Amino acid sequence: MTKPIQPATAVSFKGLALFTPGGDCVYAIDQHKRERWHLDLCAALQNALCLPELPNFLLPCYTATVDRWVDATSQELITVAEAYPR
């Protein structure tokens, strides 16, 4: 008997991408949809890059968000994406 294939990401999630003026892209996927995006992303960068302080100076040139959830009424998978120039 085989197990069903599990998706690589949760059915419901929120994603954020920051594109810096230097051409870097930093992104995160939050399967629990917490609200402190900038702080959480800066803390992850501090840890990953071994920085002595949070990189609160991180200002995006562009940002993009993706929000995905299951509609409670129709059970349809909904995905919304937006991009913003700074």
PDB file of N, CA and C in Angstrom:
ATOM      1  N   MET A   1       0.841  -1.171   0.000  1.00  0.00           N
ATOM      2  CA  MET A   1       0.000   0.000   0.000  1.00  0.00           C
ATOM      3  C   MET A   1       0.892   1.242   0.000  1.00  0.00           C
ATOM      4  N   THR A   2       0.602   2.193  -0.863  1.00  0.00           N
ATOM      5  CA  THR A   2       1.397   3.413  -0.937  1.00  0.00           C
ATOM      6  C   THR A   2       0.710   4.537  -0.178  1.00  0.00           C
ATOM      7  N   LYS A   3       1.524   5.433   0.322  1.00  0.00           N
ATOM      8  CA  LYS A   3       1.004   6.599   1.027  1.00  0.00           C
ATOM      9  C   LYS A   3       0.681   7.687   0.012  1.00  0.00           C
ATOM     10  N   PRO A   4      -0.338   8.514   0.279  1.00  0.00           N
ATOM     11  CA  PRO A   4      -0.619   9.629  -0.628  1.00  0.00           C
ATOM     12  C   PRO A   4       0.529  10.631  -0.606  1.00  0.00           C
ATOM     13  N   ILE A   5       0.766  11.263  -1.726  1.00  0.00           N
ATOM     14  CA  ILE A   5       1.827  12.265  -1.827  1.00  0.00           C
ATOM     15  C   ILE A   5       1.398  13.515  -1.078  1.00  0.00           C
ATOM     16  N   GLN A   6       2.275  13.994  -0.208  1.00  0.00           N
ATOM     17  CA  GLN A   6       2.012  15.209   0.546  1.00  0.00           C
ATOM     18  C   GLN A   6       2.541  16.410  -0.232  1.00  0.00           C
ATOM     19  N   PRO A   7       1.806  17.531  -0.230  1.00  0.00           N
ATOM     20  CA  PRO A   7       2.305  18.717  -0.925  1.00  0.00           C
ATOM     21  C   PRO A   7       3.571  19.247  -0.260  1.00  0.00           C
ATOM     22  N   ALA A   8       4.413  19.924  -1.048  1.00  0.00           N
ATOM     23  CA  ALA A   8       5.667  20.479  -0.534  1.00  0.00           C
ATOM     24  C   ALA A   8       5.406  21.595   0.468  1.00  0.00           C
ATOM     25  N   THR A   9       4.307  22.314   0.311  1.00  0.00           N
ATOM     26  CA  THR A   9       3.942  23.369   1.246  1.00  0.00           C
ATOM     27  C   THR A   9       2.547  23.084   1.776  1.00  0.00           C
ATOM     28  N   ALA A  10       2.207  23.753   2.849  1.00  0.00           N
ATOM     29  CA  ALA A  10       0.881  23.581   3.428  1.00  0.00           C
ATOM     30  C   ALA A  10      -0.177  24.092   2.456  1.00  0.00           C
ATOM     31  N   VAL A  11      -1.375  23.578   2.595  1.00  0.00           N
ATOM     32  CA  VAL A  11      -2.469  24.050   1.750  1.00  0.00           C
ATOM     33  C   VAL A  11      -2.712  25.528   2.004  1.00  0.00           C
ATOM     34  N   SER A  12      -2.640  25.948   3.255  1.00  0.00           N
ATOM     35  CA  SER A  12      -2.844  27.340   3.628  1.00  0.00           C
ATOM     36  C   SER A  12      -1.507  27.924   4.078  1.00  0.00           C
ATOM     37  N   PHE A  13      -1.106  29.042   3.492  1.00  0.00           N
ATOM     38  CA  PHE A  13       0.144  29.687   3.891  1.00  0.00           C
ATOM     39  C   PHE A  13       0.148  31.135   3.433  1.00  0.00           C
ATOM     40  N   LYS A  14       1.124  31.890   3.930  1.00  0.00           N
ATOM     41  CA  LYS A  14       1.375  33.249   3.467  1.00  0.00           C
ATOM     42  C   LYS A  14       2.848  33.323   3.123  1.00  0.00           C
ATOM     43  N   GLY A  15       3.167  33.939   2.010  1.00  0.00           N
ATOM     44  CA  GLY A  15       4.550  34.082   1.580  1.00  0.00           C
ATOM     45  C   GLY A  15       4.900  35.543   1.369  1.00  0.00           C
ATOM     46  N   LEU A  16       6.149  35.892   1.590  1.00  0.00           N
ATOM     47  CA  LEU A  16       6.627  37.255   1.409  1.00  0.00           C
ATOM     48  C   LEU A  16       7.977  37.210   0.726  1.00  0.00           C
ATOM     49  N   ALA A  17       8.171  38.071  -0.257  1.00  0.00           N
ATOM     50  CA  ALA A  17       9.474  38.201  -0.923  1.00  0.00           C
ATOM     51  C   ALA A  17       9.861  39.669  -0.937  1.00  0.00           C
ATOM     52  N   LEU A  18      11.119  39.949  -0.642  1.00  0.00           N
ATOM     53  CA  LEU A  18      11.671  41.302  -0.711  1.00  0.00           C
ATOM     54  C   LEU A  18      12.752  41.314  -1.771  1.00  0.00           C
ATOM     55  N   PHE A  19      12.681  42.273  -2.665  1.00  0.00           N
ATOM     56  CA  PHE A  19      13.690  42.442  -3.703  1.00  0.00           C
ATOM     57  C   PHE A  19      14.418  43.745  -3.416  1.00  0.00           C
ATOM     58  N   THR A  20      15.721  43.660  -3.125  1.00  0.00           N
ATOM     59  CA  THR A  20      16.488  44.838  -2.730  1.00  0.00           C
ATOM     60  C   THR A  20      16.999  45.587  -3.951  1.00  0.00           C
ATOM     61  N   PRO A  21      17.381  46.864  -3.770  1.00  0.00           N
ATOM     62  CA  PRO A  21      17.950  47.623  -4.891  1.00  0.00           C
ATOM     63  C   PRO A  21      19.217  46.978  -5.454  1.00  0.00           C
ATOM     64  N   GLY A  22      19.916  46.181  -4.652  1.00  0.00           N
ATOM     65  CA  GLY A  22      21.125  45.498  -5.111  1.00  0.00           C
ATOM     66  C   GLY A  22      20.849  44.232  -5.904  1.00  0.00           C
ATOM     67  N   GLY A  23      19.575  43.884  -6.063  1.00  0.00           N
ATOM     68  CA  GLY A  23      19.223  42.710  -6.847  1.00  0.00           C
ATOM     69  C   GLY A  23      19.071  41.433  -6.038  1.00  0.00           C
ATOM     70  N   ASP A  24      19.139  41.536  -4.719  1.00  0.00           N
ATOM     71  CA  ASP A  24      18.965  40.356  -3.875  1.00  0.00           C
ATOM     72  C   ASP A  24      17.479  40.064  -3.677  1.00  0.00           C
ATOM     73  N   CYS A  25      17.164  38.817  -3.459  1.00  0.00           N
ATOM     74  CA  CYS A  25      15.795  38.400  -3.151  1.00  0.00           C
ATOM     75  C   CYS A  25      15.818  37.607  -1.853  1.00  0.00           C
ATOM     76  N   VAL A  26      15.011  38.029  -0.909  1.00  0.00           N
ATOM     77  CA  VAL A  26      14.871  37.336   0.363  1.00  0.00           C
ATOM     78  C   VAL A  26      13.400  36.960   0.484  1.00  0.00           C
ATOM     79  N   TYR A  27      13.124  35.708   0.824  1.00  0.00           N
ATOM     80  CA  TYR A  27      11.721  35.299   0.906  1.00  0.00           C
ATOM     81  C   TYR A  27      11.483  34.388   2.103  1.00  0.00           C
ATOM     82  N   ALA A  28      10.229  34.309   2.478  1.00  0.00           N
ATOM     83  CA  ALA A  28       9.818  33.438   3.578  1.00  0.00           C
ATOM     84  C   ALA A  28       8.422  32.911   3.285  1.00  0.00           C
ATOM     85  N   ILE A  29       8.155  31.706   3.749  1.00  0.00           N
ATOM     86  CA  ILE A  29       6.823  31.118   3.678  1.00  0.00           C
ATOM     87  C   ILE A  29       6.399  30.814   5.105  1.00  0.00           C
ATOM     88  N   ASP A  30       5.253  31.328   5.489  1.00  0.00           N
ATOM     89  CA  ASP A  30       4.739  31.141   6.847  1.00  0.00           C
ATOM     90  C   ASP A  30       3.487  30.277   6.783  1.00  0.00           C
ATOM     91  N   GLN A  31       3.607  29.037   7.221  1.00  0.00           N
ATOM     92  CA  GLN A  31       2.478  28.113   7.181  1.00  0.00           C
ATOM     93  C   GLN A  31       1.465  28.385   8.289  1.00  0.00           C
ATOM     94  N   HIS A  32       1.834  29.243   9.254  1.00  0.00           N
ATOM     95  CA  HIS A  32       0.940  29.535  10.373  1.00  0.00           C
ATOM     96  C   HIS A  32       0.355  30.934  10.290  1.00  0.00           C
ATOM     97  N   LYS A  33       0.729  31.698   9.269  1.00  0.00           N
ATOM     98  CA  LYS A  33       0.197  33.044   9.010  1.00  0.00           C
ATOM     99  C   LYS A  33       0.328  33.977  10.215  1.00  0.00           C
ATOM    100  N   ARG A  34       1.528  34.076  10.754  1.00  0.00           N
ATOM    101  CA  ARG A  34       1.783  35.041  11.826  1.00  0.00           C
ATOM    102  C   ARG A  34       1.768  36.447  11.232  1.00  0.00           C
ATOM    103  N   GLU A  35       1.760  37.451  12.090  1.00  0.00           N
ATOM    104  CA  GLU A  35       1.581  38.821  11.619  1.00  0.00           C
ATOM    105  C   GLU A  35       2.849  39.666  11.594  1.00  0.00           C
ATOM    106  N   ARG A  36       3.939  39.235  12.172  1.00  0.00           N
ATOM    107  CA  ARG A  36       5.114  40.094  12.330  1.00  0.00           C
ATOM    108  C   ARG A  36       6.131  39.806  11.231  1.00  0.00           C
ATOM    109  N   TRP A  37       5.744  40.052   9.997  1.00  0.00           N
ATOM    110  CA  TRP A  37       6.560  39.673   8.854  1.00  0.00           C
ATOM    111  C   TRP A  37       7.950  40.283   8.861  1.00  0.00           C
ATOM    112  N   HIS A  38       8.032  41.593   8.960  1.00  0.00           N
ATOM    113  CA  HIS A  38       9.335  42.246   8.842  1.00  0.00           C
ATOM    114  C   HIS A  38      10.258  41.807   9.969  1.00  0.00           C
ATOM    115  N   LEU A  39       9.761  41.784  11.186  1.00  0.00           N
ATOM    116  CA  LEU A  39      10.578  41.386  12.337  1.00  0.00           C
ATOM    117  C   LEU A  39      11.020  39.930  12.220  1.00  0.00           C
ATOM    118  N   ASP A  40      10.099  39.038  11.846  1.00  0.00           N
ATOM    119  CA  ASP A  40      10.445  37.620  11.701  1.00  0.00           C
ATOM    120  C   ASP A  40      11.475  37.401  10.601  1.00  0.00           C
ATOM    121  N   LEU A  41      11.308  38.099   9.483  1.00  0.00           N
ATOM    122  CA  LEU A  41      12.252  37.953   8.377  1.00  0.00           C
ATOM    123  C   LEU A  41      13.625  38.501   8.762  1.00  0.00           C
ATOM    124  N   CYS A  42      13.661  39.639   9.445  1.00  0.00           N
ATOM    125  CA  CYS A  42      14.937  40.201   9.896  1.00  0.00           C
ATOM    126  C   CYS A  42      15.628  39.268  10.890  1.00  0.00           C
ATOM    127  N   ALA A  43      14.866  38.645  11.792  1.00  0.00           N
ATOM    128  CA  ALA A  43      15.450  37.709  12.760  1.00  0.00           C
ATOM    129  C   ALA A  43      16.027  36.486  12.054  1.00  0.00           C
ATOM    130  N   ALA A  44      15.333  35.991  11.038  1.00  0.00           N
ATOM    131  CA  ALA A  44      15.844  34.839  10.283  1.00  0.00           C
ATOM    132  C   ALA A  44      17.126  35.202   9.544  1.00  0.00           C
ATOM    133  N   LEU A  45      17.179  36.406   8.974  1.00  0.00           N
ATOM    134  CA  LEU A  45      18.399  36.855   8.291  1.00  0.00           C
ATOM    135  C   LEU A  45      19.546  37.028   9.276  1.00  0.00           C
ATOM    136  N   GLN A  46      19.255  37.583  10.451  1.00  0.00           N
ATOM    137  CA  GLN A  46      20.294  37.753  11.468  1.00  0.00           C
ATOM    138  C   GLN A  46      20.906  36.403  11.819  1.00  0.00           C
ATOM    139  N   ASN A  47      20.065  35.409  12.003  1.00  0.00           N
ATOM    140  CA  ASN A  47      20.534  34.075  12.349  1.00  0.00           C
ATOM    141  C   ASN A  47      21.303  33.441  11.188  1.00  0.00           C
ATOM    142  N   ALA A  48      20.763  33.509   9.992  1.00  0.00           N
ATOM    143  CA  ALA A  48      21.386  32.863   8.829  1.00  0.00           C
ATOM    144  C   ALA A  48      22.726  33.492   8.469  1.00  0.00           C
ATOM    145  N   LEU A  49      22.833  34.817   8.636  1.00  0.00           N
ATOM    146  CA  LEU A  49      24.055  35.528   8.246  1.00  0.00           C
ATOM    147  C   LEU A  49      24.976  35.815   9.428  1.00  0.00           C
ATOM    148  N   CYS A  50      24.609  35.330  10.634  1.00  0.00           N
ATOM    149  CA  CYS A  50      25.399  35.555  11.857  1.00  0.00           C
ATOM    150  C   CYS A  50      25.661  37.039  12.097  1.00  0.00           C
ATOM    151  N   LEU A  51      24.637  37.855  11.935  1.00  0.00           N
ATOM    152  CA  LEU A  51      24.769  39.296  12.145  1.00  0.00           C
ATOM    153  C   LEU A  51      24.652  39.611  13.629  1.00  0.00           C
ATOM    154  N   PRO A  52      25.405  40.612  14.135  1.00  0.00           N
ATOM    155  CA  PRO A  52      25.331  40.945  15.552  1.00  0.00           C
ATOM    156  C   PRO A  52      24.013  41.621  15.937  1.00  0.00           C
ATOM    157  N   GLU A  53      23.336  42.262  14.977  1.00  0.00           N
ATOM    158  CA  GLU A  53      22.073  42.947  15.249  1.00  0.00           C
ATOM    159  C   GLU A  53      21.067  42.601  14.165  1.00  0.00           C
ATOM    160  N   LEU A  54      19.788  42.839  14.465  1.00  0.00           N
ATOM    161  CA  LEU A  54      18.751  42.639  13.454  1.00  0.00           C
ATOM    162  C   LEU A  54      18.980  43.588  12.277  1.00  0.00           C
ATOM    163  N   PRO A  55      18.829  43.131  11.044  1.00  0.00           N
ATOM    164  CA  PRO A  55      19.004  44.014   9.883  1.00  0.00           C
ATOM    165  C   PRO A  55      17.731  44.822   9.616  1.00  0.00           C
ATOM    166  N   ASN A  56      17.321  45.641  10.599  1.00  0.00           N
ATOM    167  CA  ASN A  56      16.111  46.450  10.439  1.00  0.00           C
ATOM    168  C   ASN A  56      16.257  47.483   9.333  1.00  0.00           C
ATOM    169  N   PHE A  57      17.484  47.694   8.885  1.00  0.00           N
ATOM    170  CA  PHE A  57      17.745  48.614   7.783  1.00  0.00           C
ATOM    171  C   PHE A  57      17.258  48.046   6.458  1.00  0.00           C
ATOM    172  N   LEU A  58      16.904  46.771   6.419  1.00  0.00           N
ATOM    173  CA  LEU A  58      16.505  46.110   5.184  1.00  0.00           C
ATOM    174  C   LEU A  58      15.274  46.800   4.602  1.00  0.00           C
ATOM    175  N   LEU A  59      15.477  47.519   3.534  1.00  0.00           N
ATOM    176  CA  LEU A  59      14.383  48.199   2.852  1.00  0.00           C
ATOM    177  C   LEU A  59      14.236  47.607   1.466  1.00  0.00           C
ATOM    178  N   PRO A  60      13.072  47.133   1.141  1.00  0.00           N
ATOM    179  CA  PRO A  60      12.891  46.521  -0.176  1.00  0.00           C
ATOM    180  C   PRO A  60      12.727  47.552  -1.277  1.00  0.00           C
ATOM    181  N   CYS A  61      13.158  47.198  -2.457  1.00  0.00           N
ATOM    182  CA  CYS A  61      12.864  47.975  -3.651  1.00  0.00           C
ATOM    183  C   CYS A  61      11.468  47.579  -4.137  1.00  0.00           C
ATOM    184  N   TYR A  62      11.191  46.287  -4.068  1.00  0.00           N
ATOM    185  CA  TYR A  62       9.871  45.738  -4.386  1.00  0.00           C
ATOM    186  C   TYR A  62       9.529  44.679  -3.348  1.00  0.00           C
ATOM    187  N   THR A  63       8.251  44.523  -3.063  1.00  0.00           N
ATOM    188  CA  THR A  63       7.802  43.428  -2.216  1.00  0.00           C
ATOM    189  C   THR A  63       6.704  42.670  -2.945  1.00  0.00           C
ATOM    190  N   ALA A  64       6.576  41.421  -2.624  1.00  0.00           N
ATOM    191  CA  ALA A  64       5.504  40.604  -3.182  1.00  0.00           C
ATOM    192  C   ALA A  64       4.978  39.697  -2.078  1.00  0.00           C
ATOM    193  N   THR A  65       3.679  39.519  -2.055  1.00  0.00           N
ATOM    194  CA  THR A  65       3.072  38.617  -1.087  1.00  0.00           C
ATOM    195  C   THR A  65       2.180  37.610  -1.809  1.00  0.00           C
ATOM    196  N   VAL A  66       2.084  36.442  -1.222  1.00  0.00           N
ATOM    197  CA  VAL A  66       1.182  35.396  -1.705  1.00  0.00           C
ATOM    198  C   VAL A  66       0.404  34.896  -0.499  1.00  0.00           C
ATOM    199  N   ASP A  67      -0.892  34.825  -0.628  1.00  0.00           N
ATOM    200  CA  ASP A  67      -1.741  34.311   0.443  1.00  0.00           C
ATOM    201  C   ASP A  67      -2.595  33.197  -0.146  1.00  0.00           C
ATOM    202  N   ARG A  68      -2.586  32.039   0.503  1.00  0.00           N
ATOM    203  CA  ARG A  68      -3.349  30.898  -0.011  1.00  0.00           C
ATOM    204  C   ARG A  68      -4.135  30.259   1.128  1.00  0.00           C
ATOM    205  N   TRP A  69      -5.405  29.962   0.871  1.00  0.00           N
ATOM    206  CA  TRP A  69      -6.267  29.353   1.867  1.00  0.00           C
ATOM    207  C   TRP A  69      -7.390  28.583   1.194  1.00  0.00           C
ATOM    208  N   VAL A  70      -8.092  27.789   1.992  1.00  0.00           N
ATOM    209  CA  VAL A  70      -9.259  27.050   1.509  1.00  0.00           C
ATOM    210  C   VAL A  70     -10.505  27.813   1.945  1.00  0.00           C
ATOM    211  N   ASP A  71     -11.353  28.174   0.976  1.00  0.00           N
ATOM    212  CA  ASP A  71     -12.602  28.869   1.262  1.00  0.00           C
ATOM    213  C   ASP A  71     -13.504  27.938   2.073  1.00  0.00           C
ATOM    214  N   ALA A  72     -13.961  28.412   3.220  1.00  0.00           N
ATOM    215  CA  ALA A  72     -14.755  27.577   4.125  1.00  0.00           C
ATOM    216  C   ALA A  72     -16.097  27.163   3.518  1.00  0.00           C
ATOM    217  N   THR A  73     -16.663  27.997   2.663  1.00  0.00           N
ATOM    218  CA  THR A  73     -17.967  27.688   2.078  1.00  0.00           C
ATOM    219  C   THR A  73     -17.868  26.740   0.895  1.00  0.00           C
ATOM    220  N   SER A  74     -17.003  27.079  -0.057  1.00  0.00           N
ATOM    221  CA  SER A  74     -16.922  26.293  -1.297  1.00  0.00           C
ATOM    222  C   SER A  74     -15.866  25.186  -1.259  1.00  0.00           C
ATOM    223  N   GLN A  75     -14.979  25.231  -0.260  1.00  0.00           N
ATOM    224  CA  GLN A  75     -13.846  24.304  -0.161  1.00  0.00           C
ATOM    225  C   GLN A  75     -12.878  24.454  -1.334  1.00  0.00           C
ATOM    226  N   GLU A  76     -12.954  25.587  -2.014  1.00  0.00           N
ATOM    227  CA  GLU A  76     -12.069  25.881  -3.138  1.00  0.00           C
ATOM    228  C   GLU A  76     -10.756  26.466  -2.619  1.00  0.00           C
ATOM    229  N   LEU A  77      -9.651  26.091  -3.240  1.00  0.00           N
ATOM    230  CA  LEU A  77      -8.346  26.637  -2.890  1.00  0.00           C
ATOM    231  C   LEU A  77      -8.214  28.016  -3.533  1.00  0.00           C
ATOM    232  N   ILE A  78      -7.992  29.048  -2.720  1.00  0.00           N
ATOM    233  CA  ILE A  78      -7.888  30.429  -3.188  1.00  0.00           C
ATOM    234  C   ILE A  78      -6.436  30.879  -3.044  1.00  0.00           C
ATOM    235  N   THR A  79      -5.899  31.507  -4.087  1.00  0.00           N
ATOM    236  CA  THR A  79      -4.549  32.068  -4.044  1.00  0.00           C
ATOM    237  C   THR A  79      -4.604  33.511  -4.518  1.00  0.00           C
ATOM    238  N   VAL A  80      -4.048  34.417  -3.726  1.00  0.00           N
ATOM    239  CA  VAL A  80      -3.999  35.834  -4.067  1.00  0.00           C
ATOM    240  C   VAL A  80      -2.546  36.275  -3.989  1.00  0.00           C
ATOM    241  N   ALA A  81      -2.067  36.961  -5.018  1.00  0.00           N
ATOM    242  CA  ALA A  81      -0.689  37.466  -5.033  1.00  0.00           C
ATOM    243  C   ALA A  81      -0.707  38.948  -5.381  1.00  0.00           C
ATOM    244  N   GLU A  82       0.166  39.711  -4.735  1.00  0.00           N
ATOM    245  CA  GLU A  82       0.282  41.144  -4.993  1.00  0.00           C
ATOM    246  C   GLU A  82       1.757  41.526  -5.009  1.00  0.00           C
ATOM    247  N   ALA A  83       2.098  42.511  -5.816  1.00  0.00           N
ATOM    248  CA  ALA A  83       3.469  43.039  -5.866  1.00  0.00           C
ATOM    249  C   ALA A  83       3.397  44.554  -5.732  1.00  0.00           C
ATOM    250  N   TYR A  84       4.357  45.116  -5.021  1.00  0.00           N
ATOM    251  CA  TYR A  84       4.361  46.548  -4.754  1.00  0.00           C
ATOM    252  C   TYR A  84       5.734  47.138  -5.042  1.00  0.00           C
ATOM    253  N   PRO A  85       5.801  48.192  -5.847  1.00  0.00           N
ATOM    254  CA  PRO A  85       7.079  48.920  -5.938  1.00  0.00           C
ATOM    255  C   PRO A  85       7.229  49.800  -4.708  1.00  0.00           C
ATOM    256  N   ARG A  86       8.430  50.051  -4.276  1.00  0.00           N
ATOM    257  CA  ARG A  86       8.709  50.884  -3.095  1.00  0.00           C
ATOM    258  C   ARG A  86       8.693  52.306  -3.528  1.00  0.00           C
TER     259      ARG A  86
END
